[in-house]
Amino acid sequence: MFEVGDVVRNVAANIVGEIVEIDGETAYIEQDNGAEVDFAMSTLVLESDFQARHGGGVRDDAGSHAYDETYEAVIGDLYPAVIELGQQAHAQAETVPGIKPKQWDELSALQKLNAISEVTKTPVKAWIDASKPGAKPSLAKLQLSVLADFGKG
């Protein structure tokens, strides 16, 4: 399961460290501050797996980036007041202990669009559809409607 040298996390205790010894089902972990703690191996996860699952990273495969240009174009056409709604929601989002939250500028265009979608209760697809030429409603009308709902229009 785990080996000496693995960096692991006990999620419940929010403790991360390197396994320095294993005795049966107990792992002895040295934290960065030099303190040593022990946990049942069944309560541990690899730190790399934890970060991959909760860190909010974007996968590097081509499929994950197939629509990046579309998302970036929509974000580029949004009013600053709509972007601000997303920024505020992102700043107030609940964080996962042990995960350093990303700043707004570190998010992908889709992650930004997801934050805006969540706070405005407007599906991402609606933002994309409204950005197309001849769309009804147009992106401008959709934004004005959303801002009116927030008392900003």
Protein backbone atom coordinates (compact mmCIF):
# COMPACT_ATOMS: atom_id res chain seq x y z
CA MET A 1 0.00 0.00 0.00
CA PHE A 2 2.47 2.66 1.18
CA GLU A 3 6.23 2.59 1.46
CA VAL A 4 8.84 4.37 3.56
CA GLY A 5 9.52 7.69 1.81
CA ASP A 6 5.95 8.24 0.58
CA VAL A 7 4.46 11.64 1.38
CA VAL A 8 1.00 11.04 2.81
CA ARG A 9 -1.89 12.92 4.38
CA ASN A 10 -4.32 12.13 7.15
CA VAL A 11 -7.26 14.15 5.85
CA ALA A 12 -9.23 14.21 9.11
CA ALA A 13 -6.29 15.64 11.06
CA ASN A 14 -4.97 17.69 8.11
CA ILE A 15 -1.49 16.35 8.73
CA VAL A 16 1.03 15.78 5.95
CA GLY A 17 4.39 14.11 6.22
CA GLU A 18 6.81 11.53 4.97
CA ILE A 19 6.52 7.94 6.10
CA VAL A 20 9.70 7.13 8.02
CA GLU A 21 8.67 3.74 9.38
CA ILE A 22 5.93 1.17 8.96
CA ASP A 23 5.03 -1.28 11.71
CA GLY A 24 2.24 -3.61 10.67
CA GLU A 25 -0.76 -1.40 9.93
CA THR A 26 0.77 1.71 11.54
CA ALA A 27 2.74 4.34 9.64
CA TYR A 28 5.08 6.73 11.43
CA ILE A 29 5.09 10.08 9.70
CA GLU A 30 7.60 12.90 10.04
CA GLN A 31 6.07 16.32 9.43
CA ASP A 32 7.96 19.27 7.93
CA ASN A 33 8.46 20.67 11.42
CA GLY A 34 10.24 17.47 12.49
CA ALA A 35 7.41 16.21 14.69
CA GLU A 36 6.60 12.52 14.32
CA VAL A 37 3.06 11.17 14.47
CA ASP A 38 1.57 7.79 13.78
CA PHE A 39 -1.63 6.79 12.02
CA ALA A 40 -3.30 3.62 10.91
CA MET A 41 -2.35 3.10 7.27
CA SER A 42 -6.05 2.84 6.38
CA THR A 43 -6.50 6.52 7.34
CA LEU A 44 -3.85 7.82 4.93
CA VAL A 45 -3.84 8.92 1.31
CA LEU A 46 -0.92 9.83 -0.91
CA GLU A 47 -0.45 13.60 -0.87
CA SER A 48 -0.04 13.66 -4.65
CA ASP A 49 -3.42 11.93 -5.07
CA PHE A 50 -5.06 14.33 -2.62
CA GLN A 51 -3.68 17.39 -4.44
CA ALA A 52 -4.68 15.99 -7.83
CA ARG A 53 -8.22 15.37 -6.63
CA HIS A 54 -8.81 18.61 -4.71
CA GLY A 55 -6.29 21.08 -6.10
CA GLY A 56 -8.49 22.31 -8.95
CA GLY A 57 -5.90 21.64 -11.60
CA VAL A 58 -6.83 21.31 -15.24
CA ARG A 59 -5.83 18.12 -17.00
CA ASP A 60 -3.35 18.42 -19.85
CA ASP A 61 -5.05 16.09 -22.34
CA ALA A 62 -6.31 17.56 -25.62
CA GLY A 63 -9.96 16.83 -24.81
CA SER A 64 -9.80 19.01 -21.71
CA HIS A 65 -8.71 21.98 -23.81
CA ALA A 66 -10.84 21.46 -26.92
CA TYR A 67 -13.10 24.45 -26.18
CA ASP A 68 -10.61 26.78 -24.47
CA GLU A 69 -10.87 29.37 -27.26
CA THR A 70 -14.65 29.46 -26.90
CA TYR A 71 -14.49 29.91 -23.12
CA GLU A 72 -11.80 32.57 -23.42
CA ALA A 73 -13.84 34.46 -26.01
CA VAL A 74 -16.91 34.48 -23.75
CA ILE A 75 -14.87 35.66 -20.75
CA GLY A 76 -13.27 38.32 -22.94
CA ASP A 77 -16.70 39.68 -23.92
CA LEU A 78 -18.18 39.84 -20.41
CA TYR A 79 -18.79 43.14 -18.68
CA PRO A 80 -16.42 43.92 -15.79
CA ALA A 81 -19.39 43.88 -13.39
CA VAL A 82 -20.23 40.28 -14.38
CA ILE A 83 -16.60 39.25 -14.00
CA GLU A 84 -16.62 40.90 -10.57
CA LEU A 85 -19.56 38.73 -9.50
CA GLY A 86 -17.51 35.66 -10.38
CA GLN A 87 -14.43 37.01 -8.62
CA GLN A 88 -16.40 37.70 -5.44
CA ALA A 89 -17.98 34.23 -5.48
CA HIS A 90 -14.60 32.61 -6.06
CA ALA A 91 -13.00 34.58 -3.21
CA GLN A 92 -15.77 33.45 -0.84
CA ALA A 93 -15.81 29.81 -1.94
CA GLU A 94 -15.26 27.22 0.76
CA THR A 95 -11.72 25.90 0.72
CA VAL A 96 -10.47 22.38 1.30
CA PRO A 97 -8.02 22.16 4.22
CA GLY A 98 -4.53 21.55 2.91
CA ILE A 99 -5.25 22.98 -0.54
CA LYS A 100 -3.96 26.43 -1.39
CA PRO A 101 -6.84 28.15 -3.16
CA LYS A 102 -6.12 29.46 -6.64
CA GLN A 103 -6.33 33.18 -7.25
CA TRP A 104 -8.77 34.37 -9.93
CA ASP A 105 -5.98 35.02 -12.42
CA GLU A 106 -4.74 31.43 -12.01
CA LEU A 107 -8.07 29.93 -13.08
CA SER A 108 -8.72 28.68 -16.59
CA ALA A 109 -11.39 30.45 -18.63
CA LEU A 110 -13.76 27.54 -18.01
CA GLN A 111 -13.15 27.68 -14.25
CA LYS A 112 -13.93 31.42 -14.32
CA LEU A 113 -17.05 30.78 -16.39
CA ASN A 114 -18.11 28.06 -13.94
CA ALA A 115 -17.75 30.50 -11.02
CA ILE A 116 -19.81 33.12 -12.87
CA SER A 117 -22.37 30.50 -13.83
CA GLU A 118 -22.72 29.31 -10.25
CA VAL A 119 -23.15 32.74 -8.69
CA THR A 120 -25.54 33.99 -11.39
CA LYS A 121 -27.43 30.67 -11.63
CA THR A 122 -26.98 30.91 -15.40
CA PRO A 123 -25.69 27.72 -17.06
CA VAL A 124 -22.35 27.89 -18.86
CA LYS A 125 -24.16 26.79 -22.03
CA ALA A 126 -26.39 29.89 -21.81
CA TRP A 127 -23.31 32.14 -21.70
CA ILE A 128 -21.78 30.34 -24.68
CA ASP A 129 -25.01 30.33 -26.70
CA ALA A 130 -25.59 34.04 -26.01
CA SER A 131 -22.11 34.86 -27.30
CA LYS A 132 -22.87 33.49 -30.77
CA PRO A 133 -23.78 35.93 -33.57
CA GLY A 134 -27.55 36.48 -33.80
CA ALA A 135 -28.20 34.77 -30.46
CA LYS A 136 -31.42 35.43 -28.59
CA PRO A 137 -30.82 36.67 -26.02
CA SER A 138 -27.60 38.33 -27.03
CA LEU A 139 -24.69 38.26 -24.62
CA ALA A 140 -25.29 41.95 -23.86
CA LYS A 141 -28.96 41.34 -22.98
CA LEU A 142 -28.11 38.28 -20.88
CA GLN A 143 -25.53 40.27 -18.94
CA LEU A 144 -27.89 43.19 -18.37
CA SER A 145 -30.56 40.77 -17.14
CA VAL A 146 -28.12 39.10 -14.74
CA LEU A 147 -26.85 42.43 -13.46
CA ALA A 148 -30.41 43.63 -12.94
CA ASP A 149 -31.05 40.55 -10.79
CA PHE A 150 -28.08 41.61 -8.63
CA GLY A 151 -29.21 45.24 -8.47
CA LYS A 152 -26.28 46.35 -10.61
CA GLY A 153 -28.08 47.03 -13.83
